[in-house]
Amino acid sequence: MPILTLSGSPSAPSRSGHLLAHLRSGLEAAGERTSHLALRELPPAALLAARVDDPDIAAAIRAVAEAQVVILATPVYKAAYGGLLKTFLDLLPPDVLPGTFGRAALRPVPAERCSA
């Protein structure tokens, strides 16, 4: 089953990128086929201009459309996902993400609240 992990973090390295790498490692160890898309690597001008004919943007949209499972990870800013992810998701045709999906959000926790 083709599984795509998609990072919406504008930073490298990032915690969401690290989380996705860990998930891919586990999925691949279980025999799943995975690929990864880091939105920060897309050409910014083409992304902001919604140029879906740009080769890199078109390839990213195609990767989402061809995946059976898409796992998104992004930082949460002021209780919402970031503009990079929003900008990309707005480019997807309505039928690319059919059905229902779940979501999870991670937020920093002070070190004193974490147990070893």
PDB file of N, CA and C in Angstrom:
ATOM      1  N   MET A   1       0.849  -1.164   0.000  1.00  0.00           N
ATOM      2  CA  MET A   1       0.000   0.000   0.000  1.00  0.00           C
ATOM      3  C   MET A   1       0.904   1.240   0.000  1.00  0.00           C
ATOM      4  N   PRO A   2       0.784   2.118  -0.978  1.00  0.00           N
ATOM      5  CA  PRO A   2       1.619   3.317  -0.986  1.00  0.00           C
ATOM      6  C   PRO A   2       1.188   4.303   0.110  1.00  0.00           C
ATOM      7  N   ILE A   3       2.142   4.622   0.983  1.00  0.00           N
ATOM      8  CA  ILE A   3       1.898   5.547   2.085  1.00  0.00           C
ATOM      9  C   ILE A   3       2.792   6.762   1.887  1.00  0.00           C
ATOM     10  N   LEU A   4       2.200   7.937   1.914  1.00  0.00           N
ATOM     11  CA  LEU A   4       2.937   9.183   1.766  1.00  0.00           C
ATOM     12  C   LEU A   4       2.935   9.914   3.095  1.00  0.00           C
ATOM     13  N   THR A   5       4.133  10.294   3.557  1.00  0.00           N
ATOM     14  CA  THR A   5       4.208  11.190   4.704  1.00  0.00           C
ATOM     15  C   THR A   5       4.471  12.582   4.160  1.00  0.00           C
ATOM     16  N   LEU A   6       3.781  13.552   4.728  1.00  0.00           N
ATOM     17  CA  LEU A   6       3.836  14.918   4.224  1.00  0.00           C
ATOM     18  C   LEU A   6       4.137  15.861   5.382  1.00  0.00           C
ATOM     19  N   SER A   7       5.275  16.543   5.293  1.00  0.00           N
ATOM     20  CA  SER A   7       5.684  17.456   6.350  1.00  0.00           C
ATOM     21  C   SER A   7       5.318  18.885   5.985  1.00  0.00           C
ATOM     22  N   GLY A   8       4.577  19.542   6.865  1.00  0.00           N
ATOM     23  CA  GLY A   8       4.190  20.928   6.662  1.00  0.00           C
ATOM     24  C   GLY A   8       5.058  21.905   7.424  1.00  0.00           C
ATOM     25  N   SER A   9       6.164  21.438   7.964  1.00  0.00           N
ATOM     26  CA  SER A   9       7.032  22.320   8.733  1.00  0.00           C
ATOM     27  C   SER A   9       7.914  23.161   7.818  1.00  0.00           C
ATOM     28  N   PRO A  10       8.027  24.457   8.096  1.00  0.00           N
ATOM     29  CA  PRO A  10       8.927  25.293   7.303  1.00  0.00           C
ATOM     30  C   PRO A  10      10.387  25.148   7.730  1.00  0.00           C
ATOM     31  N   SER A  11      10.637  24.440   8.822  1.00  0.00           N
ATOM     32  CA  SER A  11      11.995  24.311   9.368  1.00  0.00           C
ATOM     33  C   SER A  11      12.598  22.952   9.078  1.00  0.00           C
ATOM     34  N   ALA A  12      13.919  22.942   8.999  1.00  0.00           N
ATOM     35  CA  ALA A  12      14.658  21.687   8.902  1.00  0.00           C
ATOM     36  C   ALA A  12      15.880  21.812   9.806  1.00  0.00           C
ATOM     37  N   PRO A  13      16.083  20.926  10.717  1.00  0.00           N
ATOM     38  CA  PRO A  13      15.191  19.829  11.073  1.00  0.00           C
ATOM     39  C   PRO A  13      13.976  20.336  11.857  1.00  0.00           C
ATOM     40  N   SER A  14      13.007  19.449  12.011  1.00  0.00           N
ATOM     41  CA  SER A  14      11.807  19.804  12.764  1.00  0.00           C
ATOM     42  C   SER A  14      11.311  18.598  13.542  1.00  0.00           C
ATOM     43  N   ARG A  15      10.548  18.862  14.579  1.00  0.00           N
ATOM     44  CA  ARG A  15       9.978  17.757  15.367  1.00  0.00           C
ATOM     45  C   ARG A  15       8.979  16.965  14.538  1.00  0.00           C
ATOM     46  N   SER A  16       8.191  17.664  13.709  1.00  0.00           N
ATOM     47  CA  SER A  16       7.216  16.937  12.892  1.00  0.00           C
ATOM     48  C   SER A  16       7.938  16.081  11.851  1.00  0.00           C
ATOM     49  N   GLY A  17       9.041  16.575  11.305  1.00  0.00           N
ATOM     50  CA  GLY A  17       9.836  15.778  10.371  1.00  0.00           C
ATOM     51  C   GLY A  17      10.433  14.560  11.048  1.00  0.00           C
ATOM     52  N   HIS A  18      10.897  14.742  12.288  1.00  0.00           N
ATOM     53  CA  HIS A  18      11.444  13.621  13.055  1.00  0.00           C
ATOM     54  C   HIS A  18      10.357  12.582  13.327  1.00  0.00           C
ATOM     55  N   LEU A  19       9.172  13.031  13.678  1.00  0.00           N
ATOM     56  CA  LEU A  19       8.045  12.122  13.907  1.00  0.00           C
ATOM     57  C   LEU A  19       7.732  11.315  12.651  1.00  0.00           C
ATOM     58  N   LEU A  20       7.690  11.984  11.506  1.00  0.00           N
ATOM     59  CA  LEU A  20       7.397  11.281  10.250  1.00  0.00           C
ATOM     60  C   LEU A  20       8.495  10.277   9.895  1.00  0.00           C
ATOM     61  N   ALA A  21       9.748  10.639  10.132  1.00  0.00           N
ATOM     62  CA  ALA A  21      10.848   9.703   9.860  1.00  0.00           C
ATOM     63  C   ALA A  21      10.703   8.455  10.724  1.00  0.00           C
ATOM     64  N   HIS A  22      10.324   8.643  11.984  1.00  0.00           N
ATOM     65  CA  HIS A  22      10.116   7.510  12.890  1.00  0.00           C
ATOM     66  C   HIS A  22       8.956   6.631  12.399  1.00  0.00           C
ATOM     67  N   LEU A  23       7.860   7.263  11.983  1.00  0.00           N
ATOM     68  CA  LEU A  23       6.720   6.502  11.456  1.00  0.00           C
ATOM     69  C   LEU A  23       7.102   5.728  10.204  1.00  0.00           C
ATOM     70  N   ARG A  24       7.820   6.380   9.273  1.00  0.00           N
ATOM     71  CA  ARG A  24       8.240   5.702   8.044  1.00  0.00           C
ATOM     72  C   ARG A  24       9.125   4.505   8.361  1.00  0.00           C
ATOM     73  N   SER A  25      10.025   4.668   9.304  1.00  0.00           N
ATOM     74  CA  SER A  25      10.909   3.568   9.677  1.00  0.00           C
ATOM     75  C   SER A  25      10.105   2.359  10.158  1.00  0.00           C
ATOM     76  N   GLY A  26       9.127   2.609  11.009  1.00  0.00           N
ATOM     77  CA  GLY A  26       8.286   1.518  11.497  1.00  0.00           C
ATOM     78  C   GLY A  26       7.444   0.889  10.409  1.00  0.00           C
ATOM     79  N   LEU A  27       6.890   1.721   9.545  1.00  0.00           N
ATOM     80  CA  LEU A  27       6.068   1.211   8.443  1.00  0.00           C
ATOM     81  C   LEU A  27       6.901   0.374   7.475  1.00  0.00           C
ATOM     82  N   GLU A  28       8.100   0.850   7.157  1.00  0.00           N
ATOM     83  CA  GLU A  28       8.966   0.114   6.247  1.00  0.00           C
ATOM     84  C   GLU A  28       9.433  -1.199   6.871  1.00  0.00           C
ATOM     85  N   ALA A  29       9.681  -1.187   8.181  1.00  0.00           N
ATOM     86  CA  ALA A  29      10.057  -2.425   8.871  1.00  0.00           C
ATOM     87  C   ALA A  29       8.927  -3.446   8.826  1.00  0.00           C
ATOM     88  N   ALA A  30       7.690  -2.956   8.728  1.00  0.00           N
ATOM     89  CA  ALA A  30       6.521  -3.836   8.633  1.00  0.00           C
ATOM     90  C   ALA A  30       6.210  -4.220   7.191  1.00  0.00           C
ATOM     91  N   GLY A  31       7.066  -3.791   6.254  1.00  0.00           N
ATOM     92  CA  GLY A  31       6.898  -4.176   4.856  1.00  0.00           C
ATOM     93  C   GLY A  31       6.093  -3.209   4.010  1.00  0.00           C
ATOM     94  N   GLU A  32       5.758  -2.060   4.550  1.00  0.00           N
ATOM     95  CA  GLU A  32       4.984  -1.076   3.779  1.00  0.00           C
ATOM     96  C   GLU A  32       5.906  -0.245   2.896  1.00  0.00           C
ATOM     97  N   ARG A  33       5.358   0.226   1.784  1.00  0.00           N
ATOM     98  CA  ARG A  33       6.086   1.095   0.858  1.00  0.00           C
ATOM     99  C   ARG A  33       5.728   2.536   1.191  1.00  0.00           C
ATOM    100  N   THR A  34       6.747   3.355   1.485  1.00  0.00           N
ATOM    101  CA  THR A  34       6.493   4.744   1.866  1.00  0.00           C
ATOM    102  C   THR A  34       7.266   5.702   0.973  1.00  0.00           C
ATOM    103  N   SER A  35       6.786   6.934   0.946  1.00  0.00           N
ATOM    104  CA  SER A  35       7.520   8.035   0.325  1.00  0.00           C
ATOM    105  C   SER A  35       7.268   9.270   1.172  1.00  0.00           C
ATOM    106  N   HIS A  36       8.051  10.305   0.941  1.00  0.00           N
ATOM    107  CA  HIS A  36       7.962  11.498   1.780  1.00  0.00           C
ATOM    108  C   HIS A  36       7.948  12.752   0.928  1.00  0.00           C
ATOM    109  N   LEU A  37       7.178  13.723   1.371  1.00  0.00           N
ATOM    110  CA  LEU A  37       7.099  15.024   0.716  1.00  0.00           C
ATOM    111  C   LEU A  37       7.267  16.094   1.783  1.00  0.00           C
ATOM    112  N   ALA A  38       8.320  16.906   1.654  1.00  0.00           N
ATOM    113  CA  ALA A  38       8.539  18.045   2.550  1.00  0.00           C
ATOM    114  C   ALA A  38       8.094  19.293   1.806  1.00  0.00           C
ATOM    115  N   LEU A  39       7.017  19.892   2.259  1.00  0.00           N
ATOM    116  CA  LEU A  39       6.456  21.044   1.554  1.00  0.00           C
ATOM    117  C   LEU A  39       7.436  22.208   1.481  1.00  0.00           C
ATOM    118  N   ARG A  40       8.350  22.334   2.453  1.00  0.00           N
ATOM    119  CA  ARG A  40       9.313  23.440   2.429  1.00  0.00           C
ATOM    120  C   ARG A  40      10.264  23.344   1.234  1.00  0.00           C
ATOM    121  N   GLU A  41      10.321  22.186   0.588  1.00  0.00           N
ATOM    122  CA  GLU A  41      11.204  22.013  -0.568  1.00  0.00           C
ATOM    123  C   GLU A  41      10.532  22.396  -1.885  1.00  0.00           C
ATOM    124  N   LEU A  42       9.234  22.698  -1.842  1.00  0.00           N
ATOM    125  CA  LEU A  42       8.538  23.128  -3.061  1.00  0.00           C
ATOM    126  C   LEU A  42       8.920  24.573  -3.383  1.00  0.00           C
ATOM    127  N   PRO A  43       8.906  24.947  -4.660  1.00  0.00           N
ATOM    128  CA  PRO A  43       9.266  26.323  -5.013  1.00  0.00           C
ATOM    129  C   PRO A  43       8.249  27.320  -4.447  1.00  0.00           C
ATOM    130  N   PRO A  44       8.696  28.227  -3.568  1.00  0.00           N
ATOM    131  CA  PRO A  44       7.757  29.130  -2.891  1.00  0.00           C
ATOM    132  C   PRO A  44       6.927  29.984  -3.843  1.00  0.00           C
ATOM    133  N   ALA A  45       7.536  30.537  -4.878  1.00  0.00           N
ATOM    134  CA  ALA A  45       6.788  31.410  -5.791  1.00  0.00           C
ATOM    135  C   ALA A  45       5.668  30.642  -6.486  1.00  0.00           C
ATOM    136  N   ALA A  46       5.962  29.433  -6.930  1.00  0.00           N
ATOM    137  CA  ALA A  46       4.948  28.618  -7.603  1.00  0.00           C
ATOM    138  C   ALA A  46       3.845  28.203  -6.632  1.00  0.00           C
ATOM    139  N   LEU A  47       4.225  27.886  -5.407  1.00  0.00           N
ATOM    140  CA  LEU A  47       3.245  27.483  -4.396  1.00  0.00           C
ATOM    141  C   LEU A  47       2.308  28.645  -4.070  1.00  0.00           C
ATOM    142  N   LEU A  48       2.868  29.812  -3.814  1.00  0.00           N
ATOM    143  CA  LEU A  48       2.042  30.972  -3.451  1.00  0.00           C
ATOM    144  C   LEU A  48       1.191  31.480  -4.611  1.00  0.00           C
ATOM    145  N   ALA A  49       1.673  31.287  -5.837  1.00  0.00           N
ATOM    146  CA  ALA A  49       0.907  31.714  -7.013  1.00  0.00           C
ATOM    147  C   ALA A  49      -0.075  30.642  -7.470  1.00  0.00           C
ATOM    148  N   ALA A  50      -0.120  29.525  -6.748  1.00  0.00           N
ATOM    149  CA  ALA A  50      -1.017  28.411  -7.076  1.00  0.00           C
ATOM    150  C   ALA A  50      -0.797  27.918  -8.500  1.00  0.00           C
ATOM    151  N   ARG A  51       0.477  27.831  -8.891  1.00  0.00           N
ATOM    152  CA  ARG A  51       0.805  27.371 -10.238  1.00  0.00           C
ATOM    153  C   ARG A  51       0.874  25.839 -10.244  1.00  0.00           C
ATOM    154  N   VAL A  52      -0.284  25.230 -10.409  1.00  0.00           N
ATOM    155  CA  VAL A  52      -0.357  23.768 -10.405  1.00  0.00           C
ATOM    156  C   VAL A  52       0.301  23.163 -11.634  1.00  0.00           C
ATOM    157  N   ASP A  53       0.652  23.988 -12.632  1.00  0.00           N
ATOM    158  CA  ASP A  53       1.357  23.496 -13.806  1.00  0.00           C
ATOM    159  C   ASP A  53       2.872  23.458 -13.595  1.00  0.00           C
ATOM    160  N   ASP A  54       3.371  24.030 -12.482  1.00  0.00           N
ATOM    161  CA  ASP A  54       4.788  23.936 -12.170  1.00  0.00           C
ATOM    162  C   ASP A  54       5.140  22.459 -11.963  1.00  0.00           C
ATOM    163  N   PRO A  55       6.231  21.970 -12.542  1.00  0.00           N
ATOM    164  CA  PRO A  55       6.548  20.536 -12.442  1.00  0.00           C
ATOM    165  C   PRO A  55       6.647  20.016 -10.997  1.00  0.00           C
ATOM    166  N   ASP A  56       7.250  20.795 -10.102  1.00  0.00           N
ATOM    167  CA  ASP A  56       7.384  20.343  -8.712  1.00  0.00           C
ATOM    168  C   ASP A  56       6.042  20.326  -7.986  1.00  0.00           C
ATOM    169  N   ILE A  57       5.225  21.337  -8.225  1.00  0.00           N
ATOM    170  CA  ILE A  57       3.897  21.390  -7.601  1.00  0.00           C
ATOM    171  C   ILE A  57       3.021  20.268  -8.146  1.00  0.00           C
ATOM    172  N   ALA A  58       3.062  20.069  -9.462  1.00  0.00           N
ATOM    173  CA  ALA A  58       2.271  19.001 -10.089  1.00  0.00           C
ATOM    174  C   ALA A  58       2.693  17.631  -9.556  1.00  0.00           C
ATOM    175  N   ALA A  59       3.994  17.422  -9.379  1.00  0.00           N
ATOM    176  CA  ALA A  59       4.483  16.144  -8.853  1.00  0.00           C
ATOM    177  C   ALA A  59       4.017  15.932  -7.413  1.00  0.00           C
ATOM    178  N   ALA A  60       4.002  16.991  -6.619  1.00  0.00           N
ATOM    179  CA  ALA A  60       3.545  16.882  -5.228  1.00  0.00           C
ATOM    180  C   ALA A  60       2.056  16.536  -5.174  1.00  0.00           C
ATOM    181  N   ILE A  61       1.268  17.189  -5.997  1.00  0.00           N
ATOM    182  CA  ILE A  61      -0.170  16.892  -6.043  1.00  0.00           C
ATOM    183  C   ILE A  61      -0.397  15.454  -6.511  1.00  0.00           C
ATOM    184  N   ARG A  62       0.359  15.028  -7.506  1.00  0.00           N
ATOM    185  CA  ARG A  62       0.251  13.661  -8.009  1.00  0.00           C
ATOM    186  C   ARG A  62       0.626  12.645  -6.920  1.00  0.00           C
ATOM    187  N   ALA A  63       1.651  12.945  -6.129  1.00  0.00           N
ATOM    188  CA  ALA A  63       2.065  12.038  -5.052  1.00  0.00           C
ATOM    189  C   ALA A  63       0.936  11.847  -4.042  1.00  0.00           C
ATOM    190  N   VAL A  64       0.249  12.930  -3.704  1.00  0.00           N
ATOM    191  CA  VAL A  64      -0.891  12.838  -2.777  1.00  0.00           C
ATOM    192  C   VAL A  64      -2.017  12.026  -3.419  1.00  0.00           C
ATOM    193  N   ALA A  65      -2.304  12.300  -4.680  1.00  0.00           N
ATOM    194  CA  ALA A  65      -3.402  11.611  -5.373  1.00  0.00           C
ATOM    195  C   ALA A  65      -3.146  10.113  -5.504  1.00  0.00           C
ATOM    196  N   GLU A  66      -1.891   9.713  -5.672  1.00  0.00           N
ATOM    197  CA  GLU A  66      -1.562   8.305  -5.893  1.00  0.00           C
ATOM    198  C   GLU A  66      -1.398   7.509  -4.602  1.00  0.00           C
ATOM    199  N   ALA A  67      -1.272   8.189  -3.485  1.00  0.00           N
ATOM    200  CA  ALA A  67      -1.092   7.485  -2.207  1.00  0.00           C
ATOM    201  C   ALA A  67      -2.423   6.924  -1.724  1.00  0.00           C
ATOM    202  N   GLN A  68      -2.349   5.753  -1.114  1.00  0.00           N
ATOM    203  CA  GLN A  68      -3.553   5.195  -0.493  1.00  0.00           C
ATOM    204  C   GLN A  68      -3.742   5.751   0.911  1.00  0.00           C
ATOM    205  N   VAL A  69      -2.626   6.116   1.527  1.00  0.00           N
ATOM    206  CA  VAL A  69      -2.653   6.705   2.865  1.00  0.00           C
ATOM    207  C   VAL A  69      -1.742   7.924   2.843  1.00  0.00           C
ATOM    208  N   VAL A  70      -2.225   9.037   3.394  1.00  0.00           N
ATOM    209  CA  VAL A  70      -1.417  10.248   3.529  1.00  0.00           C
ATOM    210  C   VAL A  70      -1.359  10.588   5.015  1.00  0.00           C
ATOM    211  N   ILE A  71      -0.145  10.697   5.529  1.00  0.00           N
ATOM    212  CA  ILE A  71       0.062  11.063   6.927  1.00  0.00           C
ATOM    213  C   ILE A  71       0.669  12.461   6.944  1.00  0.00           C
ATOM    214  N   LEU A  72      -0.065  13.409   7.508  1.00  0.00           N
ATOM    215  CA  LEU A  72       0.380  14.796   7.589  1.00  0.00           C
ATOM    216  C   LEU A  72       0.953  15.079   8.970  1.00  0.00           C
ATOM    217  N   ALA A  73       2.024  15.831   9.002  1.00  0.00           N
ATOM    218  CA  ALA A  73       2.562  16.320  10.273  1.00  0.00           C
ATOM    219  C   ALA A  73       2.960  17.769  10.063  1.00  0.00           C
ATOM    220  N   THR A  74       2.559  18.613  10.995  1.00  0.00           N
ATOM    221  CA  THR A  74       2.839  20.031  10.882  1.00  0.00           C
ATOM    222  C   THR A  74       2.885  20.653  12.262  1.00  0.00           C
ATOM    223  N   PRO A  75       3.650  21.712  12.400  1.00  0.00           N
ATOM    224  CA  PRO A  75       3.586  22.432  13.678  1.00  0.00           C
ATOM    225  C   PRO A  75       2.207  23.076  13.852  1.00  0.00           C
ATOM    226  N   VAL A  76       1.831  23.314  15.079  1.00  0.00           N
ATOM    227  CA  VAL A  76       0.569  23.986  15.375  1.00  0.00           C
ATOM    228  C   VAL A  76       0.913  25.384  15.864  1.00  0.00           C
ATOM    229  N   TYR A  77       0.350  26.374  15.198  1.00  0.00           N
ATOM    230  CA  TYR A  77       0.561  27.771  15.554  1.00  0.00           C
ATOM    231  C   TYR A  77      -0.766  28.379  15.977  1.00  0.00           C
ATOM    232  N   LYS A  78      -0.846  28.853  17.217  1.00  0.00           N
ATOM    233  CA  LYS A  78      -2.065  29.500  17.710  1.00  0.00           C
ATOM    234  C   LYS A  78      -3.303  28.646  17.434  1.00  0.00           C
ATOM    235  N   ALA A  79      -3.204  27.360  17.760  1.00  0.00           N
ATOM    236  CA  ALA A  79      -4.298  26.390  17.642  1.00  0.00           C
ATOM    237  C   ALA A  79      -4.706  26.094  16.210  1.00  0.00           C
ATOM    238  N   ALA A  80      -3.830  26.337  15.240  1.00  0.00           N
ATOM    239  CA  ALA A  80      -4.136  26.042  13.837  1.00  0.00           C
ATOM    240  C   ALA A  80      -2.876  25.533  13.142  1.00  0.00           C
ATOM    241  N   TYR A  81      -3.075  24.814  12.056  1.00  0.00           N
ATOM    242  CA  TYR A  81      -1.912  24.364  11.302  1.00  0.00           C
ATOM    243  C   TYR A  81      -1.345  25.530  10.501  1.00  0.00           C
ATOM    244  N   GLY A  82      -0.092  25.384  10.090  1.00  0.00           N
ATOM    245  CA  GLY A  82       0.626  26.476   9.456  1.00  0.00           C
ATOM    246  C   GLY A  82       0.188  26.805   8.039  1.00  0.00           C
ATOM    247  N   GLY A  83       0.579  27.985   7.604  1.00  0.00           N
ATOM    248  CA  GLY A  83       0.221  28.480   6.281  1.00  0.00           C
ATOM    249  C   GLY A  83       0.807  27.656   5.151  1.00  0.00           C
ATOM    250  N   LEU A  84       1.981  27.065   5.354  1.00  0.00           N
ATOM    251  CA  LEU A  84       2.594  26.245   4.311  1.00  0.00           C
ATOM    252  C   LEU A  84       1.692  25.071   3.960  1.00  0.00           C
ATOM    253  N   LEU A  85       1.216  24.370   4.977  1.00  0.00           N
ATOM    254  CA  LEU A  85       0.313  23.242   4.739  1.00  0.00           C
ATOM    255  C   LEU A  85      -1.014  23.724   4.152  1.00  0.00           C
ATOM    256  N   LYS A  86      -1.562  24.788   4.690  1.00  0.00           N
ATOM    257  CA  LYS A  86      -2.836  25.334   4.186  1.00  0.00           C
ATOM    258  C   LYS A  86      -2.724  25.713   2.719  1.00  0.00           C
ATOM    259  N   THR A  87      -1.645  26.377   2.357  1.00  0.00           N
ATOM    260  CA  THR A  87      -1.445  26.792   0.968  1.00  0.00           C
ATOM    261  C   THR A  87      -1.407  25.581   0.044  1.00  0.00           C
ATOM    262  N   PHE A  88      -0.696  24.527   0.457  1.00  0.00           N
ATOM    263  CA  PHE A  88      -0.626  23.323  -0.377  1.00  0.00           C
ATOM    264  C   PHE A  88      -1.975  22.617  -0.455  1.00  0.00           C
ATOM    265  N   LEU A  89      -2.645  22.448   0.677  1.00  0.00           N
ATOM    266  CA  LEU A  89      -3.934  21.749   0.671  1.00  0.00           C
ATOM    267  C   LEU A  89      -4.959  22.468  -0.194  1.00  0.00           C
ATOM    268  N   ASP A  90      -4.882  23.787  -0.253  1.00  0.00           N
ATOM    269  CA  ASP A  90      -5.800  24.546  -1.101  1.00  0.00           C
ATOM    270  C   ASP A  90      -5.604  24.255  -2.583  1.00  0.00           C
ATOM    271  N   LEU A  91      -4.453  23.736  -2.963  1.00  0.00           N
ATOM    272  CA  LEU A  91      -4.186  23.423  -4.373  1.00  0.00           C
ATOM    273  C   LEU A  91      -4.742  22.067  -4.792  1.00  0.00           C
ATOM    274  N   LEU A  92      -5.085  21.234  -3.841  1.00  0.00           N
ATOM    275  CA  LEU A  92      -5.541  19.883  -4.169  1.00  0.00           C
ATOM    276  C   LEU A  92      -6.955  19.903  -4.735  1.00  0.00           C
ATOM    277  N   PRO A  93      -7.179  19.165  -5.797  1.00  0.00           N
ATOM    278  CA  PRO A  93      -8.545  19.029  -6.310  1.00  0.00           C
ATOM    279  C   PRO A  93      -9.437  18.384  -5.243  1.00  0.00           C
ATOM    280  N   PRO A  94     -10.736  18.683  -5.259  1.00  0.00           N
ATOM    281  CA  PRO A  94     -11.639  18.187  -4.207  1.00  0.00           C
ATOM    282  C   PRO A  94     -11.676  16.670  -4.066  1.00  0.00           C
ATOM    283  N   ASP A  95     -11.434  15.940  -5.129  1.00  0.00           N
ATOM    284  CA  ASP A  95     -11.549  14.483  -5.071  1.00  0.00           C
ATOM    285  C   ASP A  95     -10.243  13.776  -4.696  1.00  0.00           C
ATOM    286  N   VAL A  96      -9.193  14.520  -4.393  1.00  0.00           N
ATOM    287  CA  VAL A  96      -7.898  13.898  -4.098  1.00  0.00           C
ATOM    288  C   VAL A  96      -7.874  13.243  -2.721  1.00  0.00           C
ATOM    289  N   LEU A  97      -8.563  13.804  -1.747  1.00  0.00           N
ATOM    290  CA  LEU A  97      -8.594  13.234  -0.400  1.00  0.00           C
ATOM    291  C   LEU A  97     -10.017  12.783  -0.053  1.00  0.00           C
ATOM    292  N   PRO A  98     -10.499  11.722  -0.722  1.00  0.00           N
ATOM    293  CA  PRO A  98     -11.867  11.272  -0.451  1.00  0.00           C
ATOM    294  C   PRO A  98     -11.971  10.555   0.892  1.00  0.00           C
ATOM    295  N   GLY A  99     -13.171  10.420   1.366  1.00  0.00           N
ATOM    296  CA  GLY A  99     -13.398   9.660   2.591  1.00  0.00           C
ATOM    297  C   GLY A  99     -13.076  10.457   3.833  1.00  0.00           C
ATOM    298  N   THR A 100     -12.951   9.746   4.926  1.00  0.00           N
ATOM    299  CA  THR A 100     -12.674  10.386   6.205  1.00  0.00           C
ATOM    300  C   THR A 100     -11.238  10.138   6.603  1.00  0.00           C
ATOM    301  N   PHE A 101     -10.753  10.954   7.481  1.00  0.00           N
ATOM    302  CA  PHE A 101      -9.400  10.781   7.978  1.00  0.00           C
ATOM    303  C   PHE A 101      -9.343  11.257   9.412  1.00  0.00           C
ATOM    304  N   GLY A 102      -8.332  10.787  10.112  1.00  0.00           N
ATOM    305  CA  GLY A 102      -8.128  11.200  11.496  1.00  0.00           C
ATOM    306  C   GLY A 102      -7.012  12.218  11.565  1.00  0.00           C
ATOM    307  N   ARG A 103      -6.867  12.836  12.699  1.00  0.00           N
ATOM    308  CA  ARG A 103      -5.803  13.803  12.871  1.00  0.00           C
ATOM    309  C   ARG A 103      -5.300  13.753  14.303  1.00  0.00           C
ATOM    310  N   ALA A 104      -4.094  14.178  14.450  1.00  0.00           N
ATOM    311  CA  ALA A 104      -3.487  14.289  15.771  1.00  0.00           C
ATOM    312  C   ALA A 104      -2.620  15.524  15.773  1.00  0.00           C
ATOM    313  N   ALA A 105      -2.587  16.215  16.867  1.00  0.00           N
ATOM    314  CA  ALA A 105      -1.756  17.413  16.989  1.00  0.00           C
ATOM    315  C   ALA A 105      -0.811  17.227  18.167  1.00  0.00           C
ATOM    316  N   LEU A 106       0.419  17.613  17.975  1.00  0.00           N
ATOM    317  CA  LEU A 106       1.405  17.550  19.043  1.00  0.00           C
ATOM    318  C   LEU A 106       1.744  18.973  19.458  1.00  0.00           C
ATOM    319  N   ARG A 107       1.998  19.138  20.727  1.00  0.00           N
ATOM    320  CA  ARG A 107       2.416  20.459  21.178  1.00  0.00           C
ATOM    321  C   ARG A 107       3.539  20.264  22.184  1.00  0.00           C
ATOM    322  N   PRO A 108       4.399  21.258  22.332  1.00  0.00           N
ATOM    323  CA  PRO A 108       5.487  21.134  23.293  1.00  0.00           C
ATOM    324  C   PRO A 108       4.947  20.980  24.710  1.00  0.00           C
ATOM    325  N   VAL A 109       5.652  20.197  25.482  1.00  0.00           N
ATOM    326  CA  VAL A 109       5.313  20.003  26.884  1.00  0.00           C
ATOM    327  C   VAL A 109       6.543  20.367  27.699  1.00  0.00           C
ATOM    328  N   PRO A 110       6.400  21.154  28.758  1.00  0.00           N
ATOM    329  CA  PRO A 110       7.559  21.502  29.580  1.00  0.00           C
ATOM    330  C   PRO A 110       8.262  20.249  30.092  1.00  0.00           C
ATOM    331  N   ALA A 111       9.573  20.299  30.134  1.00  0.00           N
ATOM    332  CA  ALA A 111      10.376  19.139  30.515  1.00  0.00           C
ATOM    333  C   ALA A 111       9.984  18.599  31.889  1.00  0.00           C
ATOM    334  N   GLU A 112       9.622  19.472  32.816  1.00  0.00           N
ATOM    335  CA  GLU A 112       9.285  19.017  34.161  1.00  0.00           C
ATOM    336  C   GLU A 112       7.998  18.195  34.202  1.00  0.00           C
ATOM    337  N   ARG A 113       7.194  18.262  33.134  1.00  0.00           N
ATOM    338  CA  ARG A 113       5.957  17.469  33.078  1.00  0.00           C
ATOM    339  C   ARG A 113       6.163  16.119  32.412  1.00  0.00           C
ATOM    340  N   CYS A 114       7.347  15.891  31.855  1.00  0.00           N
ATOM    341  CA  CYS A 114       7.648  14.616  31.183  1.00  0.00           C
ATOM    342  C   CYS A 114       8.278  13.660  32.178  1.00  0.00           C
ATOM    343  N   SER A 115       7.890  12.400  32.111  1.00  0.00           N
ATOM    344  CA  SER A 115       8.522  11.398  32.968  1.00  0.00           C
ATOM    345  C   SER A 115       9.421  10.531  32.109  1.00  0.00           C
ATOM    346  N   ALA A 116      10.493  10.075  32.698  1.00  0.00           N
ATOM    347  CA  ALA A 116      11.474   9.269  31.960  1.00  0.00           C
ATOM    348  C   ALA A 116      11.029   7.855  31.816  1.00  0.00           C
TER     349      ALA A 116
END
